[in-house]
Amino acid sequence: MIKFSNVSLIYPTSTKTILEDLSFSIVEGELVLVIGSTGTGKTSLLQLINGLVPHHTGGILAGDITVDGISTKLVRPGELALLGKIQLKDLLLTPLKKSWPLEWRR
């Protein structure tokens, strides 16, 4: 399960919040479509789920995001992938790399 609890995000160079007081849950197997205009926070939302925000891209995060009960604040993005909780390629549609383990290239 992916759970957002009162999540707000603002980047240090921004004058407005990207996401504000966002709460929702996605259960395993549920299909969710994220759509919107350019600059509305779609990429930031996905990067929050896999922990890239704020660990690697910066940003000020309020609230909590959990993936299978694990807070993304407490683990690095790679740890979520290694635990099999979430795979970055599935969320960001990144091109597959030959150096990745076979189980990541499905």
PDB file of N, CA and C in Angstrom:
ATOM      1  N   MET A   1       0.842  -1.179   0.000  1.00  0.00           N
ATOM      2  CA  MET A   1       0.000   0.000   0.000  1.00  0.00           C
ATOM      3  C   MET A   1       0.884   1.238   0.000  1.00  0.00           C
ATOM      4  N   ILE A   2       0.467   2.223  -0.745  1.00  0.00           N
ATOM      5  CA  ILE A   2       1.115   3.534  -0.754  1.00  0.00           C
ATOM      6  C   ILE A   2       0.161   4.488  -0.059  1.00  0.00           C
ATOM      7  N   LYS A   3       0.682   5.201   0.933  1.00  0.00           N
ATOM      8  CA  LYS A   3      -0.187   6.087   1.697  1.00  0.00           C
ATOM      9  C   LYS A   3       0.459   7.463   1.859  1.00  0.00           C
ATOM     10  N   PHE A   4      -0.272   8.489   1.476  1.00  0.00           N
ATOM     11  CA  PHE A   4       0.121   9.874   1.692  1.00  0.00           C
ATOM     12  C   PHE A   4      -0.741  10.410   2.828  1.00  0.00           C
ATOM     13  N   SER A   5      -0.110  11.000   3.831  1.00  0.00           N
ATOM     14  CA  SER A   5      -0.841  11.581   4.953  1.00  0.00           C
ATOM     15  C   SER A   5      -0.464  13.042   5.114  1.00  0.00           C
ATOM     16  N   ASN A   6      -1.361  13.923   4.735  1.00  0.00           N
ATOM     17  CA  ASN A   6      -1.177  15.365   4.879  1.00  0.00           C
ATOM     18  C   ASN A   6       0.153  15.845   4.289  1.00  0.00           C
ATOM     19  N   VAL A   7       0.425  15.431   3.061  1.00  0.00           N
ATOM     20  CA  VAL A   7       1.695  15.741   2.405  1.00  0.00           C
ATOM     21  C   VAL A   7       1.642  17.095   1.710  1.00  0.00           C
ATOM     22  N   SER A   8       2.638  17.912   2.004  1.00  0.00           N
ATOM     23  CA  SER A   8       2.834  19.187   1.310  1.00  0.00           C
ATOM     24  C   SER A   8       4.284  19.239   0.863  1.00  0.00           C
ATOM     25  N   LEU A   9       4.514  19.832  -0.297  1.00  0.00           N
ATOM     26  CA  LEU A   9       5.853  19.915  -0.852  1.00  0.00           C
ATOM     27  C   LEU A   9       6.065  21.280  -1.486  1.00  0.00           C
ATOM     28  N   ILE A  10       7.213  21.857  -1.179  1.00  0.00           N
ATOM     29  CA  ILE A  10       7.632  23.100  -1.824  1.00  0.00           C
ATOM     30  C   ILE A  10       9.124  22.983  -2.103  1.00  0.00           C
ATOM     31  N   TYR A  11       9.537  23.465  -3.262  1.00  0.00           N
ATOM     32  CA  TYR A  11      10.958  23.476  -3.592  1.00  0.00           C
ATOM     33  C   TYR A  11      11.553  24.796  -3.113  1.00  0.00           C
ATOM     34  N   PRO A  12      12.824  24.785  -2.693  1.00  0.00           N
ATOM     35  CA  PRO A  12      13.442  25.996  -2.132  1.00  0.00           C
ATOM     36  C   PRO A  12      13.392  27.210  -3.064  1.00  0.00           C
ATOM     37  N   THR A  13      13.418  26.990  -4.363  1.00  0.00           N
ATOM     38  CA  THR A  13      13.419  28.118  -5.307  1.00  0.00           C
ATOM     39  C   THR A  13      12.006  28.535  -5.728  1.00  0.00           C
ATOM     40  N   SER A  14      10.995  27.868  -5.198  1.00  0.00           N
ATOM     41  CA  SER A  14       9.616  28.130  -5.615  1.00  0.00           C
ATOM     42  C   SER A  14       8.930  29.097  -4.656  1.00  0.00           C
ATOM     43  N   THR A  15       7.935  29.789  -5.163  1.00  0.00           N
ATOM     44  CA  THR A  15       7.148  30.688  -4.315  1.00  0.00           C
ATOM     45  C   THR A  15       5.791  30.089  -3.958  1.00  0.00           C
ATOM     46  N   LYS A  16       5.494  28.903  -4.504  1.00  0.00           N
ATOM     47  CA  LYS A  16       4.217  28.251  -4.192  1.00  0.00           C
ATOM     48  C   LYS A  16       4.438  26.759  -3.939  1.00  0.00           C
ATOM     49  N   THR A  17       3.531  26.183  -3.196  1.00  0.00           N
ATOM     50  CA  THR A  17       3.632  24.751  -2.917  1.00  0.00           C
ATOM     51  C   THR A  17       3.293  23.960  -4.174  1.00  0.00           C
ATOM     52  N   ILE A  18       3.979  22.843  -4.346  1.00  0.00           N
ATOM     53  CA  ILE A  18       3.713  21.951  -5.470  1.00  0.00           C
ATOM     54  C   ILE A  18       2.520  21.071  -5.128  1.00  0.00           C
ATOM     55  N   LEU A  19       2.525  20.522  -3.932  1.00  0.00           N
ATOM     56  CA  LEU A  19       1.406  19.739  -3.394  1.00  0.00           C
ATOM     57  C   LEU A  19       1.078  20.305  -2.025  1.00  0.00           C
ATOM     58  N   GLU A  20      -0.202  20.324  -1.667  1.00  0.00           N
ATOM     59  CA  GLU A  20      -0.577  20.892  -0.381  1.00  0.00           C
ATOM     60  C   GLU A  20      -1.623  20.028   0.315  1.00  0.00           C
ATOM     61  N   ASP A  21      -1.243  19.531   1.492  1.00  0.00           N
ATOM     62  CA  ASP A  21      -2.130  18.757   2.370  1.00  0.00           C
ATOM     63  C   ASP A  21      -2.816  17.604   1.628  1.00  0.00           C
ATOM     64  N   LEU A  22      -2.022  16.834   0.907  1.00  0.00           N
ATOM     65  CA  LEU A  22      -2.521  15.727   0.088  1.00  0.00           C
ATOM     66  C   LEU A  22      -2.570  14.434   0.901  1.00  0.00           C
ATOM     67  N   SER A  23      -3.717  13.788   0.913  1.00  0.00           N
ATOM     68  CA  SER A  23      -3.879  12.516   1.619  1.00  0.00           C
ATOM     69  C   SER A  23      -4.628  11.537   0.727  1.00  0.00           C
ATOM     70  N   PHE A  24      -4.085  10.329   0.580  1.00  0.00           N
ATOM     71  CA  PHE A  24      -4.751   9.261  -0.161  1.00  0.00           C
ATOM     72  C   PHE A  24      -4.026   7.948   0.097  1.00  0.00           C
ATOM     73  N   SER A  25      -4.670   6.853  -0.276  1.00  0.00           N
ATOM     74  CA  SER A  25      -4.073   5.523  -0.181  1.00  0.00           C
ATOM     75  C   SER A  25      -4.288   4.793  -1.487  1.00  0.00           C
ATOM     76  N   ILE A  26      -3.289   4.012  -1.881  1.00  0.00           N
ATOM     77  CA  ILE A  26      -3.390   3.155  -3.056  1.00  0.00           C
ATOM     78  C   ILE A  26      -3.083   1.740  -2.590  1.00  0.00           C
ATOM     79  N   VAL A  27      -4.033   0.845  -2.764  1.00  0.00           N
ATOM     80  CA  VAL A  27      -3.816  -0.540  -2.329  1.00  0.00           C
ATOM     81  C   VAL A  27      -3.124  -1.330  -3.434  1.00  0.00           C
ATOM     82  N   GLU A  28      -2.459  -2.391  -3.042  1.00  0.00           N
ATOM     83  CA  GLU A  28      -1.749  -3.229  -4.009  1.00  0.00           C
ATOM     84  C   GLU A  28      -2.701  -3.723  -5.095  1.00  0.00           C
ATOM     85  N   GLY A  29      -2.284  -3.593  -6.336  1.00  0.00           N
ATOM     86  CA  GLY A  29      -3.088  -4.034  -7.468  1.00  0.00           C
ATOM     87  C   GLY A  29      -4.004  -2.966  -8.033  1.00  0.00           C
ATOM     88  N   GLU A  30      -4.163  -1.868  -7.315  1.00  0.00           N
ATOM     89  CA  GLU A  30      -5.024  -0.783  -7.787  1.00  0.00           C
ATOM     90  C   GLU A  30      -4.303   0.002  -8.879  1.00  0.00           C
ATOM     91  N   LEU A  31      -5.019   0.328  -9.935  1.00  0.00           N
ATOM     92  CA  LEU A  31      -4.473   1.112 -11.032  1.00  0.00           C
ATOM     93  C   LEU A  31      -4.841   2.576 -10.827  1.00  0.00           C
ATOM     94  N   VAL A  32      -3.833   3.440 -10.876  1.00  0.00           N
ATOM     95  CA  VAL A  32      -4.051   4.865 -10.671  1.00  0.00           C
ATOM     96  C   VAL A  32      -3.425   5.618 -11.832  1.00  0.00           C
ATOM     97  N   LEU A  33      -4.152   6.538 -12.399  1.00  0.00           N
ATOM     98  CA  LEU A  33      -3.667   7.363 -13.488  1.00  0.00           C
ATOM     99  C   LEU A  33      -3.411   8.767 -12.949  1.00  0.00           C
ATOM    100  N   VAL A  34      -2.210   9.285 -13.205  1.00  0.00           N
ATOM    101  CA  VAL A  34      -1.861  10.635 -12.772  1.00  0.00           C
ATOM    102  C   VAL A  34      -1.773  11.503 -14.023  1.00  0.00           C
ATOM    103  N   ILE A  35      -2.693  12.448 -14.144  1.00  0.00           N
ATOM    104  CA  ILE A  35      -2.720  13.313 -15.324  1.00  0.00           C
ATOM    105  C   ILE A  35      -2.790  14.765 -14.883  1.00  0.00           C
ATOM    106  N   GLY A  36      -2.393  15.653 -15.763  1.00  0.00           N
ATOM    107  CA  GLY A  36      -2.464  17.077 -15.471  1.00  0.00           C
ATOM    108  C   GLY A  36      -1.576  17.861 -16.407  1.00  0.00           C
ATOM    109  N   SER A  37      -1.722  19.151 -16.362  1.00  0.00           N
ATOM    110  CA  SER A  37      -0.926  20.048 -17.199  1.00  0.00           C
ATOM    111  C   SER A  37       0.526  20.068 -16.739  1.00  0.00           C
ATOM    112  N   THR A  38       1.380  20.603 -17.585  1.00  0.00           N
ATOM    113  CA  THR A  38       2.785  20.780 -17.252  1.00  0.00           C
ATOM    114  C   THR A  38       2.915  21.626 -15.994  1.00  0.00           C
ATOM    115  N   GLY A  39       3.775  21.172 -15.079  1.00  0.00           N
ATOM    116  CA  GLY A  39       4.047  21.945 -13.872  1.00  0.00           C
ATOM    117  C   GLY A  39       3.052  21.782 -12.747  1.00  0.00           C
ATOM    118  N   THR A  40       2.173  20.784 -12.833  1.00  0.00           N
ATOM    119  CA  THR A  40       1.156  20.613 -11.783  1.00  0.00           C
ATOM    120  C   THR A  40       1.551  19.620 -10.700  1.00  0.00           C
ATOM    121  N   GLY A  41       2.765  19.021 -10.814  1.00  0.00           N
ATOM    122  CA  GLY A  41       3.246  18.157  -9.739  1.00  0.00           C
ATOM    123  C   GLY A  41       3.201  16.668 -10.003  1.00  0.00           C
ATOM    124  N   LYS A  42       2.931  16.241 -11.225  1.00  0.00           N
ATOM    125  CA  LYS A  42       2.857  14.798 -11.533  1.00  0.00           C
ATOM    126  C   LYS A  42       4.182  14.100 -11.255  1.00  0.00           C
ATOM    127  N   THR A  43       5.267  14.644 -11.779  1.00  0.00           N
ATOM    128  CA  THR A  43       6.580  14.044 -11.577  1.00  0.00           C
ATOM    129  C   THR A  43       6.969  14.103 -10.110  1.00  0.00           C
ATOM    130  N   SER A  44       6.705  15.223  -9.459  1.00  0.00           N
ATOM    131  CA  SER A  44       7.018  15.348  -8.031  1.00  0.00           C
ATOM    132  C   SER A  44       6.260  14.304  -7.218  1.00  0.00           C
ATOM    133  N   LEU A  45       5.014  14.067  -7.548  1.00  0.00           N
ATOM    134  CA  LEU A  45       4.213  13.057  -6.861  1.00  0.00           C
ATOM    135  C   LEU A  45       4.867  11.683  -6.963  1.00  0.00           C
ATOM    136  N   LEU A  46       5.264  11.307  -8.178  1.00  0.00           N
ATOM    137  CA  LEU A  46       5.899  10.003  -8.368  1.00  0.00           C
ATOM    138  C   LEU A  46       7.258   9.937  -7.682  1.00  0.00           C
ATOM    139  N   GLN A  47       7.993  11.030  -7.718  1.00  0.00           N
ATOM    140  CA  GLN A  47       9.295  11.048  -7.059  1.00  0.00           C
ATOM    141  C   GLN A  47       9.167  11.045  -5.542  1.00  0.00           C
ATOM    142  N   LEU A  48       8.068  11.508  -5.014  1.00  0.00           N
ATOM    143  CA  LEU A  48       7.815  11.397  -3.576  1.00  0.00           C
ATOM    144  C   LEU A  48       7.574   9.940  -3.188  1.00  0.00           C
ATOM    145  N   ILE A  49       6.877   9.212  -4.041  1.00  0.00           N
ATOM    146  CA  ILE A  49       6.581   7.814  -3.741  1.00  0.00           C
ATOM    147  C   ILE A  49       7.857   6.986  -3.672  1.00  0.00           C
ATOM    148  N   ASN A  50       8.778   7.210  -4.598  1.00  0.00           N
ATOM    149  CA  ASN A  50       9.989   6.394  -4.578  1.00  0.00           C
ATOM    150  C   ASN A  50      11.119   7.015  -3.762  1.00  0.00           C
ATOM    151  N   GLY A  51      10.867   8.146  -3.137  1.00  0.00           N
ATOM    152  CA  GLY A  51      11.837   8.735  -2.220  1.00  0.00           C
ATOM    153  C   GLY A  51      12.863   9.656  -2.854  1.00  0.00           C
ATOM    154  N   LEU A  52      12.805   9.862  -4.170  1.00  0.00           N
ATOM    155  CA  LEU A  52      13.761  10.785  -4.789  1.00  0.00           C
ATOM    156  C   LEU A  52      13.595  12.198  -4.253  1.00  0.00           C
ATOM    157  N   VAL A  53      12.354  12.573  -3.985  1.00  0.00           N
ATOM    158  CA  VAL A  53      12.064  13.846  -3.334  1.00  0.00           C
ATOM    159  C   VAL A  53      11.782  13.521  -1.876  1.00  0.00           C
ATOM    160  N   PRO A  54      12.411  14.108  -0.929  1.00  0.00           N
ATOM    161  CA  PRO A  54      13.383  15.185  -1.027  1.00  0.00           C
ATOM    162  C   PRO A  54      14.836  14.707  -0.995  1.00  0.00           C
ATOM    163  N   HIS A  55      15.072  13.375  -0.907  1.00  0.00           N
ATOM    164  CA  HIS A  55      16.432  12.865  -0.720  1.00  0.00           C
ATOM    165  C   HIS A  55      17.418  13.343  -1.779  1.00  0.00           C
ATOM    166  N   HIS A  56      17.033  13.356  -3.046  1.00  0.00           N
ATOM    167  CA  HIS A  56      17.975  13.688  -4.110  1.00  0.00           C
ATOM    168  C   HIS A  56      17.660  14.987  -4.834  1.00  0.00           C
ATOM    169  N   THR A  57      16.419  15.378  -4.876  1.00  0.00           N
ATOM    170  CA  THR A  57      16.061  16.565  -5.651  1.00  0.00           C
ATOM    171  C   THR A  57      15.822  17.788  -4.782  1.00  0.00           C
ATOM    172  N   GLY A  58      15.910  17.619  -3.488  1.00  0.00           N
ATOM    173  CA  GLY A  58      15.646  18.735  -2.592  1.00  0.00           C
ATOM    174  C   GLY A  58      14.165  18.889  -2.360  1.00  0.00           C
ATOM    175  N   GLY A  59      13.789  19.973  -1.815  1.00  0.00           N
ATOM    176  CA  GLY A  59      12.391  20.206  -1.508  1.00  0.00           C
ATOM    177  C   GLY A  59      12.150  20.106  -0.015  1.00  0.00           C
ATOM    178  N   ILE A  60      11.138  20.801   0.439  1.00  0.00           N
ATOM    179  CA  ILE A  60      10.744  20.772   1.844  1.00  0.00           C
ATOM    180  C   ILE A  60       9.453  19.988   1.917  1.00  0.00           C
ATOM    181  N   LEU A  61       9.493  18.881   2.635  1.00  0.00           N
ATOM    182  CA  LEU A  61       8.371  17.948   2.701  1.00  0.00           C
ATOM    183  C   LEU A  61       7.744  17.973   4.079  1.00  0.00           C
ATOM    184  N   ALA A  62       6.437  18.109   4.108  1.00  0.00           N
ATOM    185  CA  ALA A  62       5.678  17.990   5.350  1.00  0.00           C
ATOM    186  C   ALA A  62       4.725  16.814   5.182  1.00  0.00           C
ATOM    187  N   GLY A  63       4.352  16.195   6.284  1.00  0.00           N
ATOM    188  CA  GLY A  63       3.479  15.036   6.226  1.00  0.00           C
ATOM    189  C   GLY A  63       4.298  13.764   6.103  1.00  0.00           C
ATOM    190  N   ASP A  64       3.623  12.664   5.770  1.00  0.00           N
ATOM    191  CA  ASP A  64       4.317  11.380   5.703  1.00  0.00           C
ATOM    192  C   ASP A  64       3.842  10.573   4.501  1.00  0.00           C
ATOM    193  N   ILE A  65       4.784   9.860   3.920  1.00  0.00           N
ATOM    194  CA  ILE A  65       4.502   8.953   2.810  1.00  0.00           C
ATOM    195  C   ILE A  65       5.040   7.594   3.213  1.00  0.00           C
ATOM    196  N   THR A  66       4.194   6.577   3.133  1.00  0.00           N
ATOM    197  CA  THR A  66       4.648   5.225   3.440  1.00  0.00           C
ATOM    198  C   THR A  66       4.384   4.317   2.253  1.00  0.00           C
ATOM    199  N   VAL A  67       5.324   3.400   2.044  1.00  0.00           N
ATOM    200  CA  VAL A  67       5.197   2.376   1.019  1.00  0.00           C
ATOM    201  C   VAL A  67       5.292   1.046   1.748  1.00  0.00           C
ATOM    202  N   ASP A  68       4.204   0.299   1.751  1.00  0.00           N
ATOM    203  CA  ASP A  68       4.132  -0.967   2.488  1.00  0.00           C
ATOM    204  C   ASP A  68       4.526  -0.777   3.944  1.00  0.00           C
ATOM    205  N   GLY A  69       4.087   0.350   4.527  1.00  0.00           N
ATOM    206  CA  GLY A  69       4.322   0.625   5.935  1.00  0.00           C
ATOM    207  C   GLY A  69       5.678   1.235   6.252  1.00  0.00           C
ATOM    208  N   ILE A  70       6.522   1.436   5.255  1.00  0.00           N
ATOM    209  CA  ILE A  70       7.847   2.000   5.474  1.00  0.00           C
ATOM    210  C   ILE A  70       7.840   3.463   5.045  1.00  0.00           C
ATOM    211  N   SER A  71       8.227   4.350   5.943  1.00  0.00           N
ATOM    212  CA  SER A  71       8.258   5.774   5.626  1.00  0.00           C
ATOM    213  C   SER A  71       9.391   6.075   4.663  1.00  0.00           C
ATOM    214  N   THR A  72       9.082   6.818   3.605  1.00  0.00           N
ATOM    215  CA  THR A  72      10.120   7.186   2.637  1.00  0.00           C
ATOM    216  C   THR A  72      11.125   8.159   3.254  1.00  0.00           C
ATOM    217  N   LYS A  73      10.799   8.756   4.393  1.00  0.00           N
ATOM    218  CA  LYS A  73      11.738   9.636   5.084  1.00  0.00           C
ATOM    219  C   LYS A  73      12.871   8.846   5.737  1.00  0.00           C
ATOM    220  N   LEU A  74      12.600   7.574   6.049  1.00  0.00           N
ATOM    221  CA  LEU A  74      13.546   6.778   6.827  1.00  0.00           C
ATOM    222  C   LEU A  74      14.493   5.940   5.990  1.00  0.00           C
ATOM    223  N   VAL A  75      14.207   5.767   4.713  1.00  0.00           N
ATOM    224  CA  VAL A  75      15.064   4.939   3.854  1.00  0.00           C
ATOM    225  C   VAL A  75      15.409   5.700   2.584  1.00  0.00           C
ATOM    226  N   ARG A  76      16.538   5.333   1.999  1.00  0.00           N
ATOM    227  CA  ARG A  76      16.936   5.935   0.727  1.00  0.00           C
ATOM    228  C   ARG A  76      16.161   5.263  -0.407  1.00  0.00           C
ATOM    229  N   PRO A  77      16.010   5.937  -1.538  1.00  0.00           N
ATOM    230  CA  PRO A  77      15.245   5.364  -2.653  1.00  0.00           C
ATOM    231  C   PRO A  77      15.713   3.979  -3.075  1.00  0.00           C
ATOM    232  N   GLY A  78      17.000   3.763  -3.142  1.00  0.00           N
ATOM    233  CA  GLY A  78      17.513   2.451  -3.537  1.00  0.00           C
ATOM    234  C   GLY A  78      17.122   1.357  -2.571  1.00  0.00           C
ATOM    235  N   GLU A  79      16.990   1.691  -1.296  1.00  0.00           N
ATOM    236  CA  GLU A  79      16.591   0.688  -0.298  1.00  0.00           C
ATOM    237  C   GLU A  79      15.163   0.225  -0.529  1.00  0.00           C
ATOM    238  N   LEU A  80      14.285   1.128  -0.950  1.00  0.00           N
ATOM    239  CA  LEU A  80      12.913   0.723  -1.266  1.00  0.00           C
ATOM    240  C   LEU A  80      12.913  -0.264  -2.425  1.00  0.00           C
ATOM    241  N   ALA A  81      13.722   0.004  -3.440  1.00  0.00           N
ATOM    242  CA  ALA A  81      13.791  -0.882  -4.597  1.00  0.00           C
ATOM    243  C   ALA A  81      14.370  -2.238  -4.210  1.00  0.00           C
ATOM    244  N   LEU A  82      15.431  -2.229  -3.416  1.00  0.00           N
ATOM    245  CA  LEU A  82      16.059  -3.488  -3.022  1.00  0.00           C
ATOM    246  C   LEU A  82      15.137  -4.336  -2.157  1.00  0.00           C
ATOM    247  N   LEU A  83      14.297  -3.680  -1.382  1.00  0.00           N
ATOM    248  CA  LEU A  83      13.348  -4.415  -0.550  1.00  0.00           C
ATOM    249  C   LEU A  83      12.211  -4.994  -1.377  1.00  0.00           C
ATOM    250  N   GLY A  84      12.158  -4.606  -2.651  1.00  0.00           N
ATOM    251  CA  GLY A  84      11.086  -5.096  -3.514  1.00  0.00           C
ATOM    252  C   GLY A  84       9.781  -4.365  -3.290  1.00  0.00           C
ATOM    253  N   LYS A  85       9.826  -3.262  -2.565  1.00  0.00           N
ATOM    254  CA  LYS A  85       8.602  -2.526  -2.268  1.00  0.00           C
ATOM    255  C   LYS A  85       8.163  -1.684  -3.455  1.00  0.00           C
ATOM    256  N   ILE A  86       9.132  -1.128  -4.131  1.00  0.00           N
ATOM    257  CA  ILE A  86       8.810  -0.263  -5.252  1.00  0.00           C
ATOM    258  C   ILE A  86      10.016  -0.238  -6.176  1.00  0.00           C
ATOM    259  N   GLN A  87       9.784  -0.238  -7.449  1.00  0.00           N
ATOM    260  CA  GLN A  87      10.883  -0.211  -8.398  1.00  0.00           C
ATOM    261  C   GLN A  87      10.842   1.103  -9.154  1.00  0.00           C
ATOM    262  N   LEU A  88      11.963   1.788  -9.154  1.00  0.00           N
ATOM    263  CA  LEU A  88      12.016   3.103  -9.768  1.00  0.00           C
ATOM    264  C   LEU A  88      11.602   3.061 -11.227  1.00  0.00           C
ATOM    265  N   LYS A  89      11.968   1.999 -11.934  1.00  0.00           N
ATOM    266  CA  LYS A  89      11.632   1.902 -13.358  1.00  0.00           C
ATOM    267  C   LYS A  89      10.124   1.861 -13.575  1.00  0.00           C
ATOM    268  N   ASP A  90       9.390   1.299 -12.628  1.00  0.00           N
ATOM    269  CA  ASP A  90       7.939   1.216 -12.774  1.00  0.00           C
ATOM    270  C   ASP A  90       7.281   2.576 -12.592  1.00  0.00           C
ATOM    271  N   LEU A  91       7.859   3.410 -11.736  1.00  0.00           N
ATOM    272  CA  LEU A  91       7.245   4.704 -11.472  1.00  0.00           C
ATOM    273  C   LEU A  91       7.679   5.784 -12.448  1.00  0.00           C
ATOM    274  N   LEU A  92       8.914   5.725 -12.872  1.00  0.00           N
ATOM    275  CA  LEU A  92       9.433   6.808 -13.704  1.00  0.00           C
ATOM    276  C   LEU A  92       9.555   6.442 -15.167  1.00  0.00           C
ATOM    277  N   LEU A  93       9.259   5.194 -15.502  1.00  0.00           N
ATOM    278  CA  LEU A  93       9.349   4.717 -16.871  1.00  0.00           C
ATOM    279  C   LEU A  93      10.737   4.961 -17.452  1.00  0.00           C
ATOM    280  N   THR A  94      11.752   4.750 -16.615  1.00  0.00           N
ATOM    281  CA  THR A  94      13.138   4.936 -17.042  1.00  0.00           C
ATOM    282  C   THR A  94      13.531   3.818 -17.991  1.00  0.00           C
ATOM    283  N   PRO A  95      14.378   4.099 -18.969  1.00  0.00           N
ATOM    284  CA  PRO A  95      14.850   3.022 -19.847  1.00  0.00           C
ATOM    285  C   PRO A  95      15.585   1.956 -19.041  1.00  0.00           C
ATOM    286  N   LEU A  96      15.426   0.704 -19.438  1.00  0.00           N
ATOM    287  CA  LEU A  96      16.093  -0.379 -18.744  1.00  0.00           C
ATOM    288  C   LEU A  96      17.593  -0.307 -18.974  1.00  0.00           C
ATOM    289  N   LYS A  97      18.349  -0.682 -17.971  1.00  0.00           N
ATOM    290  CA  LYS A  97      19.804  -0.676 -18.085  1.00  0.00           C
ATOM    291  C   LYS A  97      20.307  -2.099 -17.959  1.00  0.00           C
ATOM    292  N   LYS A  98      21.255  -2.470 -18.804  1.00  0.00           N
ATOM    293  CA  LYS A  98      21.800  -3.822 -18.778  1.00  0.00           C
ATOM    294  C   LYS A  98      22.473  -4.136 -17.456  1.00  0.00           C
ATOM    295  N   SER A  99      22.935  -3.118 -16.742  1.00  0.00           N
ATOM    296  CA  SER A  99      23.625  -3.342 -15.479  1.00  0.00           C
ATOM    297  C   SER A  99      22.669  -3.680 -14.330  1.00  0.00           C
ATOM    298  N   TRP A 100      21.361  -3.459 -14.522  1.00  0.00           N
ATOM    299  CA  TRP A 100      20.407  -3.755 -13.464  1.00  0.00           C
ATOM    300  C   TRP A 100      20.253  -5.261 -13.307  1.00  0.00           C
ATOM    301  N   PRO A 101      19.963  -5.731 -12.088  1.00  0.00           N
ATOM    302  CA  PRO A 101      19.691  -7.158 -11.897  1.00  0.00           C
ATOM    303  C   PRO A 101      18.502  -7.591 -12.755  1.00  0.00           C
ATOM    304  N   LEU A 102      18.505  -8.858 -13.153  1.00  0.00           N
ATOM    305  CA  LEU A 102      17.449  -9.371 -14.043  1.00  0.00           C
ATOM    306  C   LEU A 102      16.047  -9.128 -13.491  1.00  0.00           C
ATOM    307  N   GLU A 103      15.862  -9.300 -12.180  1.00  0.00           N
ATOM    308  CA  GLU A 103      14.518  -9.137 -11.627  1.00  0.00           C
ATOM    309  C   GLU A 103      14.004  -7.709 -11.744  1.00  0.00           C
ATOM    310  N   TRP A 104      14.890  -6.731 -11.949  1.00  0.00           N
ATOM    311  CA  TRP A 104      14.463  -5.331 -12.119  1.00  0.00           C
ATOM    312  C   TRP A 104      14.083  -5.063 -13.563  1.00  0.00           C
ATOM    313  N   ARG A 105      14.466  -5.941 -14.497  1.00  0.00           N
ATOM    314  CA  ARG A 105      14.257  -5.679 -15.925  1.00  0.00           C
ATOM    315  C   ARG A 105      13.015  -6.367 -16.467  1.00  0.00           C
ATOM    316  N   ARG A 106      12.104  -6.763 -15.649  1.00  0.00           N
ATOM    317  CA  ARG A 106      10.884  -7.437 -16.120  1.00  0.00           C
ATOM    318  C   ARG A 106       9.963  -6.492 -16.802  1.00  0.00           C
TER     319      ARG A 106
END
